[in-house]
Amino acid sequence: MSVLPKELVRDFIKEQHFTNTDDVLSLLKEMFKDVLQEALEVELEEKLGYDKYQISDKTTTNSRNGYSKKTVKSELGPVEINIPREQNGEFEPQIIQKHQRCMIHQIRASMKYVASGDQKTFAKDLKSIYFAINEETALNNLLEVKEQWGKKYPSAIKSWENHWDSLSTLFMFPPETRKIMYTTNVIESLNSQYRKVTKTKRIFPTDQSLQKMLYLATMKMTQKWTMRYRGWDLVLNQLNILFNDVLQSEAF
């Protein structure tokens, strides 16, 4: 069943003057972006309880606080949207869920709520969480940090509590492996290079053509990877124990 009446679709097509499939895909991408953006605005409106332009209906001390940019991956390609924020830092959009996959991102996310004069001490206390020997110890240390800083910086602590289910998976790995996972610098650098080689070509005729381009780009980049990670042999052994089924056929 069509979402829109055929007559409406036809009238819309006539207005656009499409000349090729690229024009159609480009418009679909823009429409996808607009719908996604509006869905985020509606989610925040429901959380705050008042429309963006109806301040008189406001019944909460919480308010909108600008936007943060995010690139969303989709079947139409990457789409850049603006995720609305609010002052309390409690908004968790459902249509685009936020994932703090690496510890360095979580630290930065919580530090933005902390006054500059307290950041050094606060950061030192956070180390007791992510350097803990196991999840139980880390959670106990989080409670201690909350007791110390919770009243002064509730949003900073809530950021850790809201994402604990994701963050706690870090403790399934041995300390040597965790060191690699604290930051995504290497991955972000790799993705940056991928974007450079694909941004000039919006449409790929087949998945294989895209894979070939990324493969060639990877081969070129790996020629510069000459430094061996310290303790990699130990890390590799740990990964083989944890993910034997995945890695047993790979050659390192």
C-alpha atoms as a PDB file:
ATOM      1  CA  MET A   1       0.000   0.000   0.000  1.00  0.00           C
ATOM      2  CA  SER A   2       1.337   3.425  -0.987  1.00  0.00           C
ATOM      3  CA  VAL A   3       1.987   5.887   1.835  1.00  0.00           C
ATOM      4  CA  LEU A   4       0.932   8.839  -0.344  1.00  0.00           C
ATOM      5  CA  PRO A   5      -1.862   9.082  -2.945  1.00  0.00           C
ATOM      6  CA  LYS A   6      -0.553   8.441  -6.461  1.00  0.00           C
ATOM      7  CA  GLU A   7      -1.957  11.741  -7.703  1.00  0.00           C
ATOM      8  CA  LEU A   8       0.058  13.635  -5.095  1.00  0.00           C
ATOM      9  CA  VAL A   9       3.225  11.727  -5.994  1.00  0.00           C
ATOM     10  CA  ARG A  10       2.751  12.425  -9.696  1.00  0.00           C
ATOM     11  CA  ASP A  11       2.191  16.143  -9.141  1.00  0.00           C
ATOM     12  CA  PHE A  12       5.286  16.260  -6.985  1.00  0.00           C
ATOM     13  CA  ILE A  13       7.392  14.482  -9.650  1.00  0.00           C
ATOM     14  CA  LYS A  14       6.240  16.956 -12.302  1.00  0.00           C
ATOM     15  CA  GLU A  15       7.412  19.853 -10.134  1.00  0.00           C
ATOM     16  CA  GLN A  16      10.886  18.357  -9.641  1.00  0.00           C
ATOM     17  CA  HIS A  17      11.790  17.793 -13.304  1.00  0.00           C
ATOM     18  CA  PHE A  18      13.919  14.717 -12.663  1.00  0.00           C
ATOM     19  CA  THR A  19      16.416  13.875 -15.415  1.00  0.00           C
ATOM     20  CA  ASN A  20      18.150  10.796 -13.963  1.00  0.00           C
ATOM     21  CA  THR A  21      18.213   8.440 -10.988  1.00  0.00           C
ATOM     22  CA  ASP A  22      20.829  10.572  -9.215  1.00  0.00           C
ATOM     23  CA  ASP A  23      18.293  13.406  -9.020  1.00  0.00           C
ATOM     24  CA  VAL A  24      15.742  11.063  -7.446  1.00  0.00           C
ATOM     25  CA  LEU A  25      18.198   9.668  -4.895  1.00  0.00           C
ATOM     26  CA  SER A  26      19.434  13.143  -4.020  1.00  0.00           C
ATOM     27  CA  LEU A  27      15.894  14.335  -3.300  1.00  0.00           C
ATOM     28  CA  LEU A  28      15.068  11.209  -1.302  1.00  0.00           C
ATOM     29  CA  LYS A  29      18.160  11.829   0.801  1.00  0.00           C
ATOM     30  CA  GLU A  30      17.074  15.409   1.520  1.00  0.00           C
ATOM     31  CA  MET A  31      13.552  14.252   2.390  1.00  0.00           C
ATOM     32  CA  PHE A  32      14.977  11.572   4.700  1.00  0.00           C
ATOM     33  CA  LYS A  33      17.069  14.247   6.417  1.00  0.00           C
ATOM     34  CA  ASP A  34      14.078  16.565   6.870  1.00  0.00           C
ATOM     35  CA  VAL A  35      11.852  13.814   8.308  1.00  0.00           C
ATOM     36  CA  LEU A  36      14.600  12.678  10.676  1.00  0.00           C
ATOM     37  CA  GLN A  37      15.247  16.233  11.837  1.00  0.00           C
ATOM     38  CA  GLU A  38      11.567  16.886  12.475  1.00  0.00           C
ATOM     39  CA  ALA A  39      11.217  13.602  14.376  1.00  0.00           C
ATOM     40  CA  LEU A  40      14.029  14.704  16.710  1.00  0.00           C
ATOM     41  CA  GLU A  41      12.337  18.066  17.285  1.00  0.00           C
ATOM     42  CA  VAL A  42       9.072  16.319  18.164  1.00  0.00           C
ATOM     43  CA  GLU A  43      10.853  13.998  20.623  1.00  0.00           C
ATOM     44  CA  LEU A  44      12.390  16.952  22.461  1.00  0.00           C
ATOM     45  CA  GLU A  45       9.073  18.817  22.480  1.00  0.00           C
ATOM     46  CA  GLU A  46       7.420  15.820  24.127  1.00  0.00           C
ATOM     47  CA  LYS A  47      10.174  15.637  26.736  1.00  0.00           C
ATOM     48  CA  LEU A  48      10.072  19.353  27.586  1.00  0.00           C
ATOM     49  CA  GLY A  49       6.286  19.618  27.356  1.00  0.00           C
ATOM     50  CA  TYR A  50       6.113  22.713  25.178  1.00  0.00           C
ATOM     51  CA  ASP A  51       6.511  23.719  21.538  1.00  0.00           C
ATOM     52  CA  LYS A  52       9.698  25.455  20.415  1.00  0.00           C
ATOM     53  CA  TYR A  53       7.797  28.660  19.658  1.00  0.00           C
ATOM     54  CA  GLN A  54       5.320  28.539  22.531  1.00  0.00           C
ATOM     55  CA  ILE A  55       7.390  29.633  25.525  1.00  0.00           C
ATOM     56  CA  SER A  56       4.207  30.714  27.313  1.00  0.00           C
ATOM     57  CA  ASP A  57       3.239  27.036  27.669  1.00  0.00           C
ATOM     58  CA  LYS A  58       6.500  26.204  29.441  1.00  0.00           C
ATOM     59  CA  THR A  59       6.035  24.434  32.802  1.00  0.00           C
ATOM     60  CA  THR A  60       9.613  23.256  33.401  1.00  0.00           C
ATOM     61  CA  THR A  61      12.895  24.905  34.333  1.00  0.00           C
ATOM     62  CA  ASN A  62      14.613  22.869  31.613  1.00  0.00           C
ATOM     63  CA  SER A  63      15.134  24.628  28.259  1.00  0.00           C
ATOM     64  CA  ARG A  64      16.501  24.026  24.779  1.00  0.00           C
ATOM     65  CA  ASN A  65      20.249  24.438  24.481  1.00  0.00           C
ATOM     66  CA  GLY A  66      21.208  24.500  20.814  1.00  0.00           C
ATOM     67  CA  TYR A  67      22.256  21.570  18.652  1.00  0.00           C
ATOM     68  CA  SER A  68      25.086  19.107  18.132  1.00  0.00           C
ATOM     69  CA  LYS A  69      25.965  17.808  14.673  1.00  0.00           C
ATOM     70  CA  LYS A  70      25.860  14.097  13.911  1.00  0.00           C
ATOM     71  CA  THR A  71      26.372  12.118  10.723  1.00  0.00           C
ATOM     72  CA  VAL A  72      23.869   9.292  10.344  1.00  0.00           C
ATOM     73  CA  LYS A  73      24.640   6.329   8.115  1.00  0.00           C
ATOM     74  CA  SER A  74      21.748   5.245   5.906  1.00  0.00           C
ATOM     75  CA  GLU A  75      21.065   3.249   2.757  1.00  0.00           C
ATOM     76  CA  LEU A  76      20.913   6.595   0.954  1.00  0.00           C
ATOM     77  CA  GLY A  77      24.396   7.472   2.171  1.00  0.00           C
ATOM     78  CA  PRO A  78      25.646   9.583   5.099  1.00  0.00           C
ATOM     79  CA  VAL A  79      23.251  12.298   6.267  1.00  0.00           C
ATOM     80  CA  GLU A  80      24.284  15.153   8.547  1.00  0.00           C
ATOM     81  CA  ILE A  81      21.628  16.235  11.037  1.00  0.00           C
ATOM     82  CA  ASN A  82      21.418  18.531  14.059  1.00  0.00           C
ATOM     83  CA  ILE A  83      20.469  16.778  17.283  1.00  0.00           C
ATOM     84  CA  PRO A  84      18.625  19.198  19.611  1.00  0.00           C
ATOM     85  CA  ARG A  85      19.938  19.523  23.152  1.00  0.00           C
ATOM     86  CA  GLU A  86      18.492  20.742  26.450  1.00  0.00           C
ATOM     87  CA  GLN A  87      20.177  22.302  29.456  1.00  0.00           C
ATOM     88  CA  ASN A  88      19.928  19.319  31.800  1.00  0.00           C
ATOM     89  CA  GLY A  89      21.640  16.988  29.334  1.00  0.00           C
ATOM     90  CA  GLU A  90      18.982  14.310  29.830  1.00  0.00           C
ATOM     91  CA  PHE A  91      17.579  14.092  26.282  1.00  0.00           C
ATOM     92  CA  GLU A  92      18.148  10.638  24.789  1.00  0.00           C
ATOM     93  CA  PRO A  93      16.572  10.542  21.298  1.00  0.00           C
ATOM     94  CA  GLN A  94      14.998   7.193  20.490  1.00  0.00           C
ATOM     95  CA  ILE A  95      14.966   7.461  16.716  1.00  0.00           C
ATOM     96  CA  ILE A  96      18.742   7.994  16.739  1.00  0.00           C
ATOM     97  CA  GLN A  97      20.198   6.453  19.844  1.00  0.00           C
ATOM     98  CA  LYS A  98      23.454   7.798  21.195  1.00  0.00           C
ATOM     99  CA  HIS A  99      26.167   5.245  21.902  1.00  0.00           C
ATOM    100  CA  GLN A 100      29.286   6.080  23.952  1.00  0.00           C
ATOM    101  CA  ARG A 101      31.299   3.158  22.543  1.00  0.00           C
ATOM    102  CA  CYS A 102      34.701   4.417  23.695  1.00  0.00           C
ATOM    103  CA  MET A 103      35.699   5.626  27.146  1.00  0.00           C
ATOM    104  CA  ILE A 104      37.364   8.838  25.940  1.00  0.00           C
ATOM    105  CA  HIS A 105      34.048  10.015  24.479  1.00  0.00           C
ATOM    106  CA  GLN A 106      32.262   9.376  27.750  1.00  0.00           C
ATOM    107  CA  ILE A 107      34.893  11.313  29.686  1.00  0.00           C
ATOM    108  CA  ARG A 108      34.564  14.290  27.343  1.00  0.00           C
ATOM    109  CA  ALA A 109      30.762  14.119  27.507  1.00  0.00           C
ATOM    110  CA  SER A 110      30.752  14.330  31.306  1.00  0.00           C
ATOM    111  CA  MET A 111      33.576  16.871  31.630  1.00  0.00           C
ATOM    112  CA  LYS A 112      31.613  19.513  29.725  1.00  0.00           C
ATOM    113  CA  TYR A 113      29.333  19.867  32.759  1.00  0.00           C
ATOM    114  CA  VAL A 114      32.241  20.471  35.160  1.00  0.00           C
ATOM    115  CA  ALA A 115      33.653  23.918  35.969  1.00  0.00           C
ATOM    116  CA  SER A 116      37.226  24.441  34.779  1.00  0.00           C
ATOM    117  CA  GLY A 117      38.502  24.819  38.327  1.00  0.00           C
ATOM    118  CA  ASP A 118      37.228  21.332  39.249  1.00  0.00           C
ATOM    119  CA  GLN A 119      38.066  19.484  36.043  1.00  0.00           C
ATOM    120  CA  LYS A 120      41.523  18.278  37.085  1.00  0.00           C
ATOM    121  CA  THR A 121      40.284  16.760  40.349  1.00  0.00           C
ATOM    122  CA  PHE A 122      37.108  15.410  38.740  1.00  0.00           C
ATOM    123  CA  ALA A 123      39.107  13.754  35.940  1.00  0.00           C
ATOM    124  CA  LYS A 124      41.400  12.152  38.510  1.00  0.00           C
ATOM    125  CA  ASP A 125      38.389  10.703  40.350  1.00  0.00           C
ATOM    126  CA  LEU A 126      36.984   9.338  37.073  1.00  0.00           C
ATOM    127  CA  LYS A 127      40.136   7.262  36.617  1.00  0.00           C
ATOM    128  CA  SER A 128      39.055   5.150  39.582  1.00  0.00           C
ATOM    129  CA  ILE A 129      36.083   4.083  37.429  1.00  0.00           C
ATOM    130  CA  TYR A 130      37.611   3.239  34.062  1.00  0.00           C
ATOM    131  CA  PHE A 131      40.869   1.905  35.458  1.00  0.00           C
ATOM    132  CA  ALA A 132      39.044  -0.391  37.898  1.00  0.00           C
ATOM    133  CA  ILE A 133      40.004  -4.069  37.818  1.00  0.00           C
ATOM    134  CA  ASN A 134      36.430  -5.252  37.120  1.00  0.00           C
ATOM    135  CA  GLU A 135      32.872  -4.015  36.664  1.00  0.00           C
ATOM    136  CA  GLU A 136      31.866  -4.468  40.300  1.00  0.00           C
ATOM    137  CA  THR A 137      34.756  -2.322  41.503  1.00  0.00           C
ATOM    138  CA  ALA A 138      34.090   0.235  38.770  1.00  0.00           C
ATOM    139  CA  LEU A 139      30.421   0.547  39.789  1.00  0.00           C
ATOM    140  CA  ASN A 140      31.337   0.967  43.449  1.00  0.00           C
ATOM    141  CA  ASN A 141      33.824   3.667  42.472  1.00  0.00           C
ATOM    142  CA  LEU A 142      31.154   5.377  40.382  1.00  0.00           C
ATOM    143  CA  LEU A 143      28.932   5.517  43.460  1.00  0.00           C
ATOM    144  CA  GLU A 144      31.789   7.101  45.417  1.00  0.00           C
ATOM    145  CA  VAL A 145      32.321   9.677  42.680  1.00  0.00           C
ATOM    146  CA  LYS A 146      28.579  10.367  42.709  1.00  0.00           C
ATOM    147  CA  GLU A 147      28.664  10.909  46.467  1.00  0.00           C
ATOM    148  CA  GLN A 148      31.568  13.334  46.037  1.00  0.00           C
ATOM    149  CA  TRP A 149      30.329  15.268  42.990  1.00  0.00           C
ATOM    150  CA  GLY A 150      26.677  14.333  42.442  1.00  0.00           C
ATOM    151  CA  LYS A 151      25.117  17.366  44.067  1.00  0.00           C
ATOM    152  CA  LYS A 152      27.434  19.855  42.382  1.00  0.00           C
ATOM    153  CA  TYR A 153      27.464  18.258  38.913  1.00  0.00           C
ATOM    154  CA  PRO A 154      24.401  15.964  38.643  1.00  0.00           C
ATOM    155  CA  SER A 155      24.389  15.957  34.812  1.00  0.00           C
ATOM    156  CA  ALA A 156      28.004  14.801  34.686  1.00  0.00           C
ATOM    157  CA  ILE A 157      27.244  11.830  36.927  1.00  0.00           C
ATOM    158  CA  LYS A 158      23.966  11.045  35.189  1.00  0.00           C
ATOM    159  CA  SER A 159      25.853  10.797  31.915  1.00  0.00           C
ATOM    160  CA  TRP A 160      27.788   7.821  33.334  1.00  0.00           C
ATOM    161  CA  GLU A 161      24.691   6.221  34.845  1.00  0.00           C
ATOM    162  CA  ASN A 162      22.668   6.537  31.620  1.00  0.00           C
ATOM    163  CA  HIS A 163      25.361   4.814  29.552  1.00  0.00           C
ATOM    164  CA  TRP A 164      26.557   2.275  32.079  1.00  0.00           C
ATOM    165  CA  ASP A 165      25.094  -0.708  30.204  1.00  0.00           C
ATOM    166  CA  SER A 166      27.331   0.162  27.232  1.00  0.00           C
ATOM    167  CA  LEU A 167      30.357   1.264  29.241  1.00  0.00           C
ATOM    168  CA  SER A 168      30.363  -1.787  31.486  1.00  0.00           C
ATOM    169  CA  THR A 169      31.102  -4.084  28.526  1.00  0.00           C
ATOM    170  CA  LEU A 170      34.641  -2.676  28.615  1.00  0.00           C
ATOM    171  CA  PHE A 171      35.367  -4.728  31.729  1.00  0.00           C
ATOM    172  CA  MET A 172      34.932  -8.041  29.943  1.00  0.00           C
ATOM    173  CA  PHE A 173      38.355  -7.354  28.407  1.00  0.00           C
ATOM    174  CA  PRO A 174      41.744  -7.630  30.169  1.00  0.00           C
ATOM    175  CA  PRO A 175      43.545  -4.349  31.045  1.00  0.00           C
ATOM    176  CA  GLU A 176      46.010  -4.612  28.139  1.00  0.00           C
ATOM    177  CA  THR A 177      43.163  -4.803  25.632  1.00  0.00           C
ATOM    178  CA  ARG A 178      41.197  -2.022  27.287  1.00  0.00           C
ATOM    179  CA  LYS A 179      44.018   0.445  26.636  1.00  0.00           C
ATOM    180  CA  ILE A 180      43.372   0.149  22.906  1.00  0.00           C
ATOM    181  CA  MET A 181      39.631   0.624  23.382  1.00  0.00           C
ATOM    182  CA  TYR A 182      39.788   3.805  25.464  1.00  0.00           C
ATOM    183  CA  THR A 183      40.065   5.954  22.338  1.00  0.00           C
ATOM    184  CA  THR A 184      38.821   5.815  18.746  1.00  0.00           C
ATOM    185  CA  ASN A 185      41.589   7.977  17.252  1.00  0.00           C
ATOM    186  CA  VAL A 186      42.813   5.217  14.928  1.00  0.00           C
ATOM    187  CA  ILE A 187      39.307   4.350  13.748  1.00  0.00           C
ATOM    188  CA  GLU A 188      38.386   8.009  13.265  1.00  0.00           C
ATOM    189  CA  SER A 189      41.535   8.529  11.201  1.00  0.00           C
ATOM    190  CA  LEU A 190      40.677   5.508   9.045  1.00  0.00           C
ATOM    191  CA  ASN A 191      37.102   6.692   8.527  1.00  0.00           C
ATOM    192  CA  SER A 192      38.382  10.147   7.604  1.00  0.00           C
ATOM    193  CA  GLN A 193      40.485   8.635   4.824  1.00  0.00           C
ATOM    194  CA  TYR A 194      37.514   6.607   3.600  1.00  0.00           C
ATOM    195  CA  ARG A 195      35.419   9.767   3.399  1.00  0.00           C
ATOM    196  CA  LYS A 196      38.087  11.470   1.311  1.00  0.00           C
ATOM    197  CA  VAL A 197      38.069   8.776  -1.349  1.00  0.00           C
ATOM    198  CA  THR A 198      34.270   8.411  -1.505  1.00  0.00           C
ATOM    199  CA  LYS A 199      33.013  12.005  -1.212  1.00  0.00           C
ATOM    200  CA  THR A 200      33.621  12.763  -4.884  1.00  0.00           C
ATOM    201  CA  LYS A 201      31.372   9.894  -5.989  1.00  0.00           C
ATOM    202  CA  ARG A 202      27.848   9.889  -4.607  1.00  0.00           C
ATOM    203  CA  ILE A 203      26.516   6.774  -6.306  1.00  0.00           C
ATOM    204  CA  PHE A 204      28.184   3.375  -6.716  1.00  0.00           C
ATOM    205  CA  PRO A 205      26.677   1.003  -9.298  1.00  0.00           C
ATOM    206  CA  THR A 206      27.210  -2.052  -7.065  1.00  0.00           C
ATOM    207  CA  ASP A 207      28.296  -2.893  -3.522  1.00  0.00           C
ATOM    208  CA  GLN A 208      31.346  -4.574  -5.029  1.00  0.00           C
ATOM    209  CA  SER A 209      32.499  -1.321  -6.656  1.00  0.00           C
ATOM    210  CA  LEU A 210      32.375   0.446  -3.282  1.00  0.00           C
ATOM    211  CA  GLN A 211      34.175  -2.436  -1.575  1.00  0.00           C
ATOM    212  CA  LYS A 212      36.890  -2.345  -4.215  1.00  0.00           C
ATOM    213  CA  MET A 213      37.472   1.374  -3.730  1.00  0.00           C
ATOM    214  CA  LEU A 214      37.658   1.005   0.076  1.00  0.00           C
ATOM    215  CA  TYR A 215      39.972  -2.004  -0.282  1.00  0.00           C
ATOM    216  CA  LEU A 216      42.402  -0.066  -2.472  1.00  0.00           C
ATOM    217  CA  ALA A 217      42.269   2.884  -0.066  1.00  0.00           C
ATOM    218  CA  THR A 218      42.986   0.552   2.854  1.00  0.00           C
ATOM    219  CA  MET A 219      45.964  -0.989   1.080  1.00  0.00           C
ATOM    220  CA  LYS A 220      47.391   2.467   0.458  1.00  0.00           C
ATOM    221  CA  MET A 221      46.896   3.537   4.074  1.00  0.00           C
ATOM    222  CA  THR A 222      48.416   0.403   5.591  1.00  0.00           C
ATOM    223  CA  GLN A 223      51.707   1.170   3.858  1.00  0.00           C
ATOM    224  CA  LYS A 224      52.141   3.950   6.429  1.00  0.00           C
ATOM    225  CA  TRP A 225      51.384   1.702   9.408  1.00  0.00           C
ATOM    226  CA  THR A 226      54.929   0.882  10.431  1.00  0.00           C
ATOM    227  CA  MET A 227      54.723   1.186  14.235  1.00  0.00           C
ATOM    228  CA  ARG A 228      53.785  -1.975  16.139  1.00  0.00           C
ATOM    229  CA  TYR A 229      51.495  -1.523  19.123  1.00  0.00           C
ATOM    230  CA  ARG A 230      53.322  -2.131  22.398  1.00  0.00           C
ATOM    231  CA  GLY A 231      52.246  -5.436  23.929  1.00  0.00           C
ATOM    232  CA  TRP A 232      50.300  -6.436  20.802  1.00  0.00           C
ATOM    233  CA  ASP A 233      51.275 -10.100  21.153  1.00  0.00           C
ATOM    234  CA  LEU A 234      49.600 -10.256  24.568  1.00  0.00           C
ATOM    235  CA  VAL A 235      46.533  -8.385  23.295  1.00  0.00           C
ATOM    236  CA  LEU A 236      46.243 -10.698  20.300  1.00  0.00           C
ATOM    237  CA  ASN A 237      46.330 -13.768  22.533  1.00  0.00           C
ATOM    238  CA  GLN A 238      43.592 -12.293  24.711  1.00  0.00           C
ATOM    239  CA  LEU A 239      41.432 -11.533  21.677  1.00  0.00           C
ATOM    240  CA  ASN A 240      41.923 -15.057  20.373  1.00  0.00           C
ATOM    241  CA  ILE A 241      40.617 -16.439  23.661  1.00  0.00           C
ATOM    242  CA  LEU A 242      37.586 -14.125  23.694  1.00  0.00           C
ATOM    243  CA  PHE A 243      36.739 -14.297  19.983  1.00  0.00           C
ATOM    244  CA  ASN A 244      38.241 -17.559  18.841  1.00  0.00           C
ATOM    245  CA  ASP A 245      35.375 -18.371  16.460  1.00  0.00           C
ATOM    246  CA  VAL A 246      35.795 -15.037  14.670  1.00  0.00           C
ATOM    247  CA  LEU A 247      39.581 -14.846  14.546  1.00  0.00           C
ATOM    248  CA  GLN A 248      40.605 -18.472  14.032  1.00  0.00           C
ATOM    249  CA  SER A 249      40.498 -18.136  10.238  1.00  0.00           C
ATOM    250  CA  GLU A 250      42.280 -14.782  10.143  1.00  0.00           C
ATOM    251  CA  ALA A 251      46.015 -14.389   9.615  1.00  0.00           C
ATOM    252  CA  PHE A 252      47.958 -11.757  11.554  1.00  0.00           C
END
